[in-house]
Amino acid sequence: MRIRIGLFAMAVVLLTSCQNDPVHDAIAAQLRQYPESRVQDIYKNFCQDNLGPGHLIPNPEAARTYLMSELQEYREDLDKGLYEMPAERFVPLGDKASFVRVDLSVVLDSLVDAETLLSAFVRSANDGFVLSEEEWKAKWATVAAVIRRDFSDIPDAARDLAAIDSLIAQGELILHHSSVFEATYHPHYRIVARQIAEEELF
């Protein structure tokens, strides 16, 4: 009886700690929205929330050319019926939602002008506040600990966590989506600071 009571109390403590853990909640939200996510995709989610688009954009014209090319590819794939537009066009990132993913379908549907999105993206990349490399490493260590504790059933979680640790040790902080995520969800988006998105895009 005492053992049962003890186990029940432990379960309550664990449940409460999870419910009060924004990192846990953010990972759970991603897995609900994108069930085929791998650890690499969770890494990318939190990385984008903390580091923004991940690189400066010194040449907006090159960014414009790439955006227009991707929009054309996206439109052609949709016309061919290869996949459908996502239900969510603006996806908050990480546990802070400092940045959001803006699906390019908002341009195809004329909800947002391409130049407006480009401007928001470039300013988010060049002017946004981001963590230092050491701060990001510490943040990821926290996220990784939650994955090990609560989400170890993600396919290949242990292997991918070890691989990411190795890449970070080599200074590689910016990762692509997993091949499974790419094949399942066909992501086409730009990262925009939440404040800019709220004021100019929503």
N, C-alpha and C. Protein backbone atom coordinates (compact mmCIF):
# COMPACT_ATOMS: atom_id res chain seq x y z
N MET A 1 0.83 -1.20 0.00
CA MET A 1 0.00 0.00 0.00
C MET A 1 0.87 1.25 0.00
N ARG A 2 1.91 1.24 0.89
CA ARG A 2 2.80 2.39 0.95
C ARG A 2 3.52 2.60 -0.39
N ILE A 3 3.88 1.47 -1.02
CA ILE A 3 4.57 1.56 -2.30
C ILE A 3 3.65 2.23 -3.34
N ARG A 4 2.35 1.81 -3.33
CA ARG A 4 1.40 2.38 -4.29
C ARG A 4 1.23 3.87 -4.05
N ILE A 5 1.12 4.26 -2.78
CA ILE A 5 0.96 5.67 -2.46
C ILE A 5 2.20 6.45 -2.89
N GLY A 6 3.37 5.86 -2.65
CA GLY A 6 4.60 6.52 -3.03
C GLY A 6 4.70 6.71 -4.53
N LEU A 7 4.34 5.66 -5.29
CA LEU A 7 4.37 5.75 -6.74
C LEU A 7 3.38 6.79 -7.26
N PHE A 8 2.19 6.82 -6.62
CA PHE A 8 1.18 7.80 -7.02
C PHE A 8 1.68 9.22 -6.77
N ALA A 9 2.29 9.43 -5.61
CA ALA A 9 2.82 10.76 -5.28
C ALA A 9 3.91 11.17 -6.26
N MET A 10 4.77 10.21 -6.63
CA MET A 10 5.83 10.50 -7.58
C MET A 10 5.25 10.87 -8.94
N ALA A 11 4.19 10.14 -9.35
CA ALA A 11 3.56 10.42 -10.62
C ALA A 11 2.95 11.82 -10.64
N VAL A 12 2.35 12.21 -9.51
CA VAL A 12 1.76 13.55 -9.42
C VAL A 12 2.85 14.61 -9.54
N VAL A 13 3.97 14.38 -8.86
CA VAL A 13 5.08 15.34 -8.92
C VAL A 13 5.60 15.47 -10.34
N LEU A 14 5.79 14.33 -11.01
CA LEU A 14 6.29 14.35 -12.38
C LEU A 14 5.32 15.04 -13.31
N LEU A 15 4.04 14.73 -13.16
CA LEU A 15 3.03 15.34 -14.02
C LEU A 15 2.99 16.85 -13.81
N THR A 16 3.06 17.27 -12.56
CA THR A 16 3.03 18.70 -12.27
C THR A 16 4.25 19.40 -12.84
N SER A 17 5.41 18.75 -12.72
CA SER A 17 6.62 19.37 -13.23
C SER A 17 6.56 19.51 -14.74
N CYS A 18 5.98 18.52 -15.42
CA CYS A 18 5.84 18.59 -16.87
C CYS A 18 4.87 19.70 -17.26
N GLN A 19 3.78 19.82 -16.50
CA GLN A 19 2.77 20.82 -16.82
C GLN A 19 3.32 22.23 -16.64
N ASN A 20 4.30 22.39 -15.75
CA ASN A 20 4.88 23.70 -15.50
C ASN A 20 6.17 23.92 -16.28
N ASP A 21 6.45 23.06 -17.21
CA ASP A 21 7.70 23.12 -17.96
C ASP A 21 7.42 23.60 -19.38
N PRO A 22 7.74 24.85 -19.72
CA PRO A 22 7.45 25.36 -21.06
C PRO A 22 8.22 24.64 -22.16
N VAL A 23 9.42 24.12 -21.84
CA VAL A 23 10.18 23.36 -22.84
C VAL A 23 9.44 22.07 -23.18
N HIS A 24 8.99 21.36 -22.14
CA HIS A 24 8.20 20.14 -22.36
C HIS A 24 6.97 20.46 -23.20
N ASP A 25 6.26 21.53 -22.85
CA ASP A 25 5.03 21.88 -23.56
C ASP A 25 5.31 22.21 -25.02
N ALA A 26 6.42 22.90 -25.28
CA ALA A 26 6.75 23.27 -26.67
C ALA A 26 7.08 22.03 -27.50
N ILE A 27 7.81 21.09 -26.91
CA ILE A 27 8.13 19.85 -27.63
C ILE A 27 6.86 19.06 -27.90
N ALA A 28 6.00 18.95 -26.89
CA ALA A 28 4.74 18.23 -27.05
C ALA A 28 3.89 18.87 -28.14
N ALA A 29 3.87 20.20 -28.18
CA ALA A 29 3.09 20.91 -29.20
C ALA A 29 3.62 20.60 -30.60
N GLN A 30 4.95 20.57 -30.74
CA GLN A 30 5.52 20.25 -32.05
C GLN A 30 5.15 18.83 -32.48
N LEU A 31 5.21 17.90 -31.55
CA LEU A 31 4.91 16.51 -31.89
C LEU A 31 3.42 16.31 -32.20
N ARG A 32 2.56 17.14 -31.61
CA ARG A 32 1.14 17.08 -31.97
C ARG A 32 0.93 17.62 -33.38
N GLN A 33 1.60 18.71 -33.69
CA GLN A 33 1.42 19.33 -35.00
C GLN A 33 2.17 18.59 -36.10
N TYR A 34 3.36 18.09 -35.75
CA TYR A 34 4.20 17.37 -36.73
C TYR A 34 4.63 16.04 -36.11
N PRO A 35 3.75 15.04 -36.12
CA PRO A 35 4.04 13.77 -35.43
C PRO A 35 5.29 13.06 -35.93
N GLU A 36 5.69 13.33 -37.17
CA GLU A 36 6.88 12.67 -37.72
C GLU A 36 8.17 13.42 -37.42
N SER A 37 8.11 14.40 -36.55
CA SER A 37 9.32 15.14 -36.17
C SER A 37 10.35 14.21 -35.55
N ARG A 38 11.59 14.50 -35.83
CA ARG A 38 12.70 13.83 -35.19
C ARG A 38 13.41 14.82 -34.26
N VAL A 39 14.38 14.34 -33.50
CA VAL A 39 15.10 15.21 -32.58
C VAL A 39 15.72 16.39 -33.33
N GLN A 40 16.21 16.13 -34.52
CA GLN A 40 16.81 17.18 -35.34
C GLN A 40 15.82 18.32 -35.61
N ASP A 41 14.54 17.97 -35.79
CA ASP A 41 13.53 18.99 -36.07
C ASP A 41 13.17 19.77 -34.81
N ILE A 42 13.22 19.09 -33.66
CA ILE A 42 13.01 19.80 -32.40
C ILE A 42 14.18 20.75 -32.15
N TYR A 43 15.38 20.27 -32.43
CA TYR A 43 16.55 21.15 -32.32
C TYR A 43 16.35 22.39 -33.18
N LYS A 44 15.95 22.20 -34.42
CA LYS A 44 15.79 23.33 -35.34
C LYS A 44 14.72 24.30 -34.83
N ASN A 45 13.65 23.76 -34.28
CA ASN A 45 12.57 24.58 -33.74
C ASN A 45 13.11 25.52 -32.65
N PHE A 46 13.80 24.96 -31.67
CA PHE A 46 14.31 25.77 -30.57
C PHE A 46 15.46 26.67 -31.03
N CYS A 47 16.26 26.17 -31.95
CA CYS A 47 17.37 26.96 -32.47
C CYS A 47 16.84 28.22 -33.17
N GLN A 48 15.80 28.07 -33.99
CA GLN A 48 15.23 29.22 -34.67
C GLN A 48 14.59 30.19 -33.69
N ASP A 49 14.02 29.68 -32.61
CA ASP A 49 13.41 30.56 -31.61
C ASP A 49 14.48 31.38 -30.89
N ASN A 50 15.67 30.82 -30.74
CA ASN A 50 16.72 31.49 -29.99
C ASN A 50 17.76 32.19 -30.85
N LEU A 51 17.95 31.73 -32.07
CA LEU A 51 18.95 32.33 -32.96
C LEU A 51 18.34 33.00 -34.18
N GLY A 52 17.02 32.98 -34.27
CA GLY A 52 16.36 33.60 -35.43
C GLY A 52 16.65 32.82 -36.69
N PRO A 53 16.62 33.49 -37.84
CA PRO A 53 16.90 32.79 -39.10
C PRO A 53 18.28 32.14 -39.14
N GLY A 54 19.17 32.57 -38.24
CA GLY A 54 20.44 31.86 -38.11
C GLY A 54 21.60 32.46 -38.87
N HIS A 55 21.35 33.51 -39.67
CA HIS A 55 22.43 34.12 -40.42
C HIS A 55 22.01 35.52 -40.87
N LEU A 56 22.97 36.39 -41.04
CA LEU A 56 22.68 37.72 -41.55
C LEU A 56 22.39 37.65 -43.04
N ILE A 57 21.67 38.64 -43.53
CA ILE A 57 21.33 38.69 -44.96
C ILE A 57 21.87 40.01 -45.52
N PRO A 58 23.15 40.02 -45.94
CA PRO A 58 23.75 41.26 -46.43
C PRO A 58 23.25 41.66 -47.82
N ASN A 59 22.66 40.70 -48.54
CA ASN A 59 22.22 40.97 -49.91
C ASN A 59 20.73 40.69 -50.05
N PRO A 60 19.88 41.67 -49.77
CA PRO A 60 18.43 41.45 -49.88
C PRO A 60 17.99 41.05 -51.28
N GLU A 61 18.72 41.49 -52.30
CA GLU A 61 18.32 41.15 -53.67
C GLU A 61 18.47 39.64 -53.92
N ALA A 62 19.53 39.05 -53.39
CA ALA A 62 19.70 37.61 -53.51
C ALA A 62 18.60 36.88 -52.76
N ALA A 63 18.24 37.42 -51.58
CA ALA A 63 17.15 36.83 -50.81
C ALA A 63 15.83 36.93 -51.57
N ARG A 64 15.63 38.03 -52.28
CA ARG A 64 14.41 38.20 -53.08
C ARG A 64 14.36 37.18 -54.21
N THR A 65 15.48 37.00 -54.89
CA THR A 65 15.54 36.04 -56.00
C THR A 65 15.22 34.64 -55.51
N TYR A 66 15.79 34.26 -54.37
CA TYR A 66 15.56 32.92 -53.83
C TYR A 66 14.11 32.76 -53.40
N LEU A 67 13.54 33.80 -52.79
CA LEU A 67 12.14 33.74 -52.36
C LEU A 67 11.22 33.54 -53.56
N MET A 68 11.43 34.31 -54.62
CA MET A 68 10.57 34.21 -55.79
C MET A 68 10.69 32.83 -56.44
N SER A 69 11.91 32.28 -56.45
CA SER A 69 12.12 30.95 -57.01
C SER A 69 11.39 29.89 -56.18
N GLU A 70 11.48 30.01 -54.86
CA GLU A 70 10.81 29.04 -54.00
C GLU A 70 9.29 29.16 -54.09
N LEU A 71 8.80 30.39 -54.21
CA LEU A 71 7.36 30.58 -54.38
C LEU A 71 6.86 29.91 -55.65
N GLN A 72 7.63 30.04 -56.73
CA GLN A 72 7.24 29.42 -57.99
C GLN A 72 7.24 27.89 -57.87
N GLU A 73 8.26 27.36 -57.22
CA GLU A 73 8.33 25.90 -57.00
C GLU A 73 7.16 25.42 -56.16
N TYR A 74 6.86 26.16 -55.11
CA TYR A 74 5.76 25.82 -54.20
C TYR A 74 4.44 25.81 -54.97
N ARG A 75 4.21 26.86 -55.77
CA ARG A 75 2.97 26.96 -56.55
C ARG A 75 2.83 25.79 -57.52
N GLU A 76 3.92 25.43 -58.19
CA GLU A 76 3.88 24.33 -59.16
C GLU A 76 3.60 23.00 -58.46
N ASP A 77 4.21 22.78 -57.31
CA ASP A 77 3.98 21.53 -56.57
C ASP A 77 2.53 21.43 -56.11
N LEU A 78 1.97 22.56 -55.65
CA LEU A 78 0.57 22.56 -55.23
C LEU A 78 -0.35 22.29 -56.41
N ASP A 79 -0.04 22.91 -57.55
CA ASP A 79 -0.86 22.71 -58.75
C ASP A 79 -0.84 21.25 -59.21
N LYS A 80 0.29 20.59 -58.98
CA LYS A 80 0.42 19.18 -59.35
C LYS A 80 -0.23 18.25 -58.33
N GLY A 81 -0.66 18.81 -57.22
CA GLY A 81 -1.27 18.00 -56.17
C GLY A 81 -0.29 17.15 -55.40
N LEU A 82 0.98 17.55 -55.38
CA LEU A 82 1.99 16.75 -54.68
C LEU A 82 1.79 16.80 -53.16
N TYR A 83 1.24 17.90 -52.68
CA TYR A 83 0.91 18.04 -51.27
C TYR A 83 -0.03 19.24 -51.14
N GLU A 84 -0.50 19.49 -49.92
CA GLU A 84 -1.43 20.58 -49.68
C GLU A 84 -0.80 21.64 -48.79
N MET A 85 -1.40 22.83 -48.82
CA MET A 85 -0.96 23.87 -47.91
C MET A 85 -1.20 23.44 -46.47
N PRO A 86 -0.35 23.84 -45.55
CA PRO A 86 -0.56 23.48 -44.14
C PRO A 86 -1.76 24.23 -43.56
N ALA A 87 -2.36 23.66 -42.55
CA ALA A 87 -3.49 24.31 -41.89
C ALA A 87 -3.03 25.54 -41.12
N GLU A 88 -1.84 25.47 -40.54
CA GLU A 88 -1.29 26.58 -39.76
C GLU A 88 -0.30 27.35 -40.63
N ARG A 89 -0.54 28.63 -40.81
CA ARG A 89 0.34 29.46 -41.64
C ARG A 89 1.40 30.18 -40.81
N PHE A 90 1.10 30.46 -39.54
CA PHE A 90 2.02 31.14 -38.64
C PHE A 90 2.27 30.23 -37.44
N VAL A 91 3.48 29.69 -37.32
CA VAL A 91 3.78 28.70 -36.29
C VAL A 91 4.79 29.28 -35.30
N PRO A 92 4.38 29.50 -34.04
CA PRO A 92 5.32 29.99 -33.02
C PRO A 92 6.41 28.96 -32.78
N LEU A 93 7.59 29.44 -32.43
CA LEU A 93 8.74 28.55 -32.26
C LEU A 93 9.18 28.46 -30.81
N GLY A 94 9.73 27.31 -30.45
CA GLY A 94 10.33 27.11 -29.15
C GLY A 94 9.39 27.34 -27.99
N ASP A 95 9.98 27.61 -26.83
CA ASP A 95 9.18 27.84 -25.63
C ASP A 95 8.97 29.32 -25.35
N LYS A 96 9.64 30.19 -26.13
CA LYS A 96 9.47 31.63 -25.93
C LYS A 96 8.67 32.28 -27.05
N ALA A 97 8.62 31.62 -28.20
CA ALA A 97 7.92 32.17 -29.37
C ALA A 97 8.46 33.56 -29.73
N SER A 98 9.78 33.74 -29.65
CA SER A 98 10.38 35.00 -30.07
C SER A 98 10.29 35.18 -31.58
N PHE A 99 10.27 34.04 -32.27
CA PHE A 99 10.15 34.05 -33.73
C PHE A 99 9.02 33.11 -34.14
N VAL A 100 8.51 33.32 -35.36
CA VAL A 100 7.48 32.44 -35.91
C VAL A 100 7.90 32.02 -37.31
N ARG A 101 7.45 30.84 -37.70
CA ARG A 101 7.59 30.39 -39.08
C ARG A 101 6.38 30.87 -39.86
N VAL A 102 6.62 31.58 -40.94
CA VAL A 102 5.54 32.08 -41.78
C VAL A 102 5.55 31.26 -43.08
N ASP A 103 4.52 30.45 -43.27
CA ASP A 103 4.45 29.61 -44.46
C ASP A 103 4.28 30.48 -45.70
N LEU A 104 4.99 30.13 -46.76
CA LEU A 104 4.94 30.94 -47.98
C LEU A 104 3.59 30.92 -48.66
N SER A 105 2.70 30.04 -48.23
CA SER A 105 1.36 30.02 -48.81
C SER A 105 0.60 31.31 -48.52
N VAL A 106 1.02 32.08 -47.50
CA VAL A 106 0.35 33.35 -47.24
C VAL A 106 0.55 34.32 -48.40
N VAL A 107 1.66 34.15 -49.13
CA VAL A 107 1.90 34.97 -50.32
C VAL A 107 1.09 34.43 -51.49
N LEU A 108 1.09 33.10 -51.65
CA LEU A 108 0.34 32.50 -52.76
C LEU A 108 -1.15 32.80 -52.65
N ASP A 109 -1.65 32.91 -51.43
CA ASP A 109 -3.07 33.21 -51.20
C ASP A 109 -3.34 34.71 -51.10
N SER A 110 -2.31 35.52 -51.36
CA SER A 110 -2.44 36.99 -51.34
C SER A 110 -2.83 37.53 -49.96
N LEU A 111 -2.49 36.80 -48.90
CA LEU A 111 -2.72 37.30 -47.55
C LEU A 111 -1.60 38.26 -47.13
N VAL A 112 -0.40 38.02 -47.66
CA VAL A 112 0.75 38.87 -47.40
C VAL A 112 1.48 39.10 -48.71
N ASP A 113 1.88 40.34 -48.96
CA ASP A 113 2.64 40.65 -50.16
C ASP A 113 4.06 40.10 -50.05
N ALA A 114 4.62 39.62 -51.16
CA ALA A 114 5.95 39.02 -51.15
C ALA A 114 7.00 40.00 -50.65
N GLU A 115 6.92 41.26 -51.05
CA GLU A 115 7.90 42.25 -50.62
C GLU A 115 7.77 42.54 -49.13
N THR A 116 6.56 42.51 -48.61
CA THR A 116 6.35 42.72 -47.17
C THR A 116 6.97 41.59 -46.38
N LEU A 117 6.77 40.34 -46.85
CA LEU A 117 7.36 39.19 -46.17
C LEU A 117 8.88 39.24 -46.25
N LEU A 118 9.40 39.59 -47.42
CA LEU A 118 10.85 39.66 -47.58
C LEU A 118 11.45 40.68 -46.63
N SER A 119 10.84 41.86 -46.55
CA SER A 119 11.33 42.91 -45.65
C SER A 119 11.31 42.44 -44.21
N ALA A 120 10.21 41.79 -43.80
CA ALA A 120 10.10 41.30 -42.43
C ALA A 120 11.16 40.25 -42.13
N PHE A 121 11.41 39.38 -43.08
CA PHE A 121 12.40 38.32 -42.93
C PHE A 121 13.81 38.90 -42.81
N VAL A 122 14.16 39.82 -43.71
CA VAL A 122 15.51 40.40 -43.70
C VAL A 122 15.76 41.16 -42.41
N ARG A 123 14.79 41.96 -41.97
CA ARG A 123 14.96 42.71 -40.72
C ARG A 123 15.04 41.77 -39.51
N SER A 124 14.29 40.70 -39.54
CA SER A 124 14.35 39.73 -38.45
C SER A 124 15.71 39.07 -38.37
N ALA A 125 16.31 38.83 -39.52
CA ALA A 125 17.63 38.19 -39.56
C ALA A 125 18.73 39.15 -39.15
N ASN A 126 18.63 40.40 -39.58
CA ASN A 126 19.73 41.34 -39.38
C ASN A 126 19.64 42.13 -38.08
N ASP A 127 18.44 42.29 -37.54
CA ASP A 127 18.27 43.17 -36.39
C ASP A 127 17.81 42.45 -35.13
N GLY A 128 17.44 41.19 -35.25
CA GLY A 128 16.84 40.49 -34.11
C GLY A 128 17.86 40.18 -33.01
N PHE A 129 17.38 40.17 -31.77
CA PHE A 129 18.21 39.77 -30.64
C PHE A 129 18.32 38.25 -30.62
N VAL A 130 19.53 37.75 -30.50
CA VAL A 130 19.72 36.30 -30.44
C VAL A 130 20.70 35.98 -29.32
N LEU A 131 20.69 34.72 -28.90
CA LEU A 131 21.61 34.26 -27.87
C LEU A 131 23.02 34.15 -28.43
N SER A 132 23.99 34.24 -27.53
CA SER A 132 25.37 33.94 -27.91
C SER A 132 25.50 32.43 -28.12
N GLU A 133 26.62 32.01 -28.69
CA GLU A 133 26.84 30.59 -28.92
C GLU A 133 26.82 29.80 -27.62
N GLU A 134 27.47 30.33 -26.60
CA GLU A 134 27.51 29.62 -25.32
C GLU A 134 26.12 29.57 -24.67
N GLU A 135 25.37 30.66 -24.80
CA GLU A 135 24.01 30.67 -24.24
C GLU A 135 23.13 29.66 -24.95
N TRP A 136 23.30 29.56 -26.28
CA TRP A 136 22.49 28.59 -27.03
C TRP A 136 22.87 27.15 -26.64
N LYS A 137 24.15 26.88 -26.45
CA LYS A 137 24.57 25.54 -26.04
C LYS A 137 23.93 25.17 -24.70
N ALA A 138 23.88 26.12 -23.78
CA ALA A 138 23.27 25.85 -22.48
C ALA A 138 21.77 25.62 -22.64
N LYS A 139 21.14 26.39 -23.51
CA LYS A 139 19.70 26.22 -23.74
C LYS A 139 19.43 24.85 -24.34
N TRP A 140 20.22 24.46 -25.33
CA TRP A 140 20.00 23.16 -25.96
C TRP A 140 20.21 22.02 -24.96
N ALA A 141 21.17 22.17 -24.08
CA ALA A 141 21.40 21.13 -23.06
C ALA A 141 20.14 20.93 -22.22
N THR A 142 19.44 22.02 -21.93
CA THR A 142 18.18 21.93 -21.19
C THR A 142 17.12 21.20 -22.01
N VAL A 143 17.00 21.57 -23.29
CA VAL A 143 16.01 20.94 -24.16
C VAL A 143 16.33 19.45 -24.32
N ALA A 144 17.60 19.14 -24.54
CA ALA A 144 18.00 17.74 -24.72
C ALA A 144 17.69 16.91 -23.49
N ALA A 145 17.86 17.50 -22.31
CA ALA A 145 17.55 16.77 -21.07
C ALA A 145 16.06 16.45 -20.99
N VAL A 146 15.22 17.36 -21.43
CA VAL A 146 13.77 17.10 -21.43
C VAL A 146 13.43 16.01 -22.44
N ILE A 147 14.09 16.02 -23.59
CA ILE A 147 13.85 14.96 -24.58
C ILE A 147 14.23 13.60 -24.00
N ARG A 148 15.39 13.54 -23.37
CA ARG A 148 15.82 12.26 -22.78
C ARG A 148 14.86 11.80 -21.69
N ARG A 149 14.34 12.75 -20.92
CA ARG A 149 13.46 12.40 -19.81
C ARG A 149 12.05 12.03 -20.25
N ASP A 150 11.49 12.81 -21.19
CA ASP A 150 10.06 12.69 -21.48
C ASP A 150 9.73 12.23 -22.89
N PHE A 151 10.69 12.29 -23.82
CA PHE A 151 10.37 11.99 -25.22
C PHE A 151 11.38 11.02 -25.84
N SER A 152 11.85 10.09 -25.04
CA SER A 152 12.85 9.14 -25.54
C SER A 152 12.28 8.18 -26.58
N ASP A 153 10.93 8.18 -26.73
CA ASP A 153 10.32 7.28 -27.71
C ASP A 153 10.32 7.88 -29.11
N ILE A 154 10.81 9.10 -29.29
CA ILE A 154 10.98 9.63 -30.64
C ILE A 154 11.95 8.71 -31.38
N PRO A 155 11.62 8.29 -32.60
CA PRO A 155 12.51 7.36 -33.31
C PRO A 155 13.95 7.87 -33.37
N ASP A 156 14.88 6.98 -33.02
CA ASP A 156 16.32 7.25 -33.07
C ASP A 156 16.74 8.43 -32.19
N ALA A 157 16.00 8.67 -31.12
CA ALA A 157 16.28 9.84 -30.28
C ALA A 157 17.70 9.82 -29.72
N ALA A 158 18.11 8.71 -29.13
CA ALA A 158 19.43 8.64 -28.51
C ALA A 158 20.54 8.85 -29.54
N ARG A 159 20.38 8.21 -30.70
CA ARG A 159 21.39 8.36 -31.76
C ARG A 159 21.48 9.81 -32.22
N ASP A 160 20.32 10.44 -32.44
CA ASP A 160 20.31 11.81 -32.97
C ASP A 160 20.81 12.81 -31.93
N LEU A 161 20.50 12.59 -30.67
CA LEU A 161 21.02 13.48 -29.63
C LEU A 161 22.55 13.43 -29.59
N ALA A 162 23.10 12.23 -29.72
CA ALA A 162 24.56 12.09 -29.72
C ALA A 162 25.16 12.76 -30.95
N ALA A 163 24.51 12.61 -32.10
CA ALA A 163 25.01 13.22 -33.34
C ALA A 163 24.99 14.74 -33.24
N ILE A 164 23.92 15.29 -32.67
CA ILE A 164 23.83 16.74 -32.52
C ILE A 164 24.89 17.25 -31.56
N ASP A 165 25.11 16.54 -30.46
CA ASP A 165 26.18 16.93 -29.52
C ASP A 165 27.53 16.98 -30.23
N SER A 166 27.77 16.02 -31.11
CA SER A 166 29.03 15.99 -31.85
C SER A 166 29.14 17.19 -32.79
N LEU A 167 28.05 17.52 -33.47
CA LEU A 167 28.07 18.67 -34.38
C LEU A 167 28.28 19.97 -33.63
N ILE A 168 27.61 20.12 -32.50
CA ILE A 168 27.76 21.34 -31.70
C ILE A 168 29.21 21.48 -31.23
N ALA A 169 29.82 20.37 -30.84
CA ALA A 169 31.21 20.39 -30.39
C ALA A 169 32.15 20.85 -31.50
N GLN A 170 31.73 20.63 -32.76
CA GLN A 170 32.52 21.06 -33.91
C GLN A 170 32.16 22.47 -34.37
N GLY A 171 31.25 23.11 -33.63
CA GLY A 171 30.86 24.47 -33.99
C GLY A 171 29.73 24.57 -34.98
N GLU A 172 29.10 23.44 -35.30
CA GLU A 172 27.97 23.44 -36.23
C GLU A 172 26.68 23.63 -35.45
N LEU A 173 26.11 24.83 -35.52
CA LEU A 173 24.92 25.12 -34.73
C LEU A 173 23.65 25.13 -35.57
N ILE A 174 23.75 25.40 -36.85
CA ILE A 174 22.58 25.52 -37.72
C ILE A 174 22.39 24.21 -38.49
N LEU A 175 21.28 23.54 -38.25
CA LEU A 175 21.00 22.25 -38.88
C LEU A 175 19.78 22.34 -39.77
N HIS A 176 19.71 21.44 -40.76
CA HIS A 176 18.54 21.34 -41.63
C HIS A 176 17.47 20.50 -40.93
N HIS A 177 16.27 20.50 -41.52
CA HIS A 177 15.25 19.56 -41.06
C HIS A 177 15.70 18.14 -41.38
N SER A 178 15.15 17.18 -40.65
CA SER A 178 15.42 15.78 -40.96
C SER A 178 14.82 15.42 -42.31
N SER A 179 15.36 14.39 -42.93
CA SER A 179 14.84 13.95 -44.23
C SER A 179 13.39 13.48 -44.09
N VAL A 180 13.04 12.89 -42.94
CA VAL A 180 11.66 12.45 -42.71
C VAL A 180 10.73 13.65 -42.67
N PHE A 181 11.11 14.70 -41.98
CA PHE A 181 10.29 15.91 -41.89
C PHE A 181 10.12 16.53 -43.27
N GLU A 182 11.22 16.62 -44.01
CA GLU A 182 11.16 17.20 -45.36
C GLU A 182 10.19 16.43 -46.24
N ALA A 183 10.30 15.10 -46.22
CA ALA A 183 9.47 14.28 -47.10
C ALA A 183 8.00 14.28 -46.68
N THR A 184 7.75 14.45 -45.39
CA THR A 184 6.37 14.39 -44.89
C THR A 184 5.66 15.73 -44.98
N TYR A 185 6.37 16.83 -44.64
CA TYR A 185 5.69 18.12 -44.49
C TYR A 185 6.07 19.16 -45.54
N HIS A 186 7.11 18.91 -46.34
CA HIS A 186 7.47 19.81 -47.44
C HIS A 186 7.52 21.27 -46.98
N PRO A 187 8.37 21.60 -46.03
CA PRO A 187 8.35 22.95 -45.46
C PRO A 187 8.79 24.03 -46.44
N HIS A 188 8.01 25.08 -46.52
CA HIS A 188 8.34 26.29 -47.28
C HIS A 188 7.96 27.48 -46.40
N TYR A 189 8.93 28.10 -45.76
CA TYR A 189 8.60 29.18 -44.83
C TYR A 189 9.77 30.14 -44.71
N ARG A 190 9.50 31.25 -44.04
CA ARG A 190 10.54 32.19 -43.62
C ARG A 190 10.36 32.45 -42.13
N ILE A 191 11.48 32.71 -41.45
CA ILE A 191 11.46 33.01 -40.02
C ILE A 191 11.34 34.52 -39.83
N VAL A 192 10.38 34.91 -39.02
CA VAL A 192 10.15 36.33 -38.78
C VAL A 192 10.02 36.55 -37.27
N ALA A 193 10.61 37.63 -36.78
CA ALA A 193 10.47 37.98 -35.37
C ALA A 193 8.99 38.15 -35.04
N ARG A 194 8.58 37.64 -33.88
CA ARG A 194 7.16 37.65 -33.53
C ARG A 194 6.57 39.06 -33.54
N GLN A 195 7.31 40.02 -33.00
CA GLN A 195 6.78 41.39 -32.93
C GLN A 195 6.53 41.93 -34.32
N ILE A 196 7.46 41.70 -35.24
CA ILE A 196 7.27 42.16 -36.62
C ILE A 196 6.10 41.44 -37.27
N ALA A 197 6.01 40.15 -37.03
CA ALA A 197 4.90 39.37 -37.61
C ALA A 197 3.57 39.89 -37.12
N GLU A 198 3.46 40.16 -35.82
CA GLU A 198 2.22 40.62 -35.24
C GLU A 198 1.81 41.98 -35.78
N GLU A 199 2.80 42.85 -35.97
CA GLU A 199 2.50 44.22 -36.39
C GLU A 199 2.29 44.35 -37.90
N GLU A 200 2.93 43.47 -38.68
CA GLU A 200 2.93 43.69 -40.13
C GLU A 200 2.34 42.56 -40.96
N LEU A 201 2.24 41.35 -40.40
CA LEU A 201 1.84 40.21 -41.23
C LEU A 201 0.51 39.59 -40.84
N PHE A 202 0.21 39.54 -39.53
CA PHE A 202 -0.98 38.81 -39.10
C PHE A 202 -2.23 39.49 -39.65
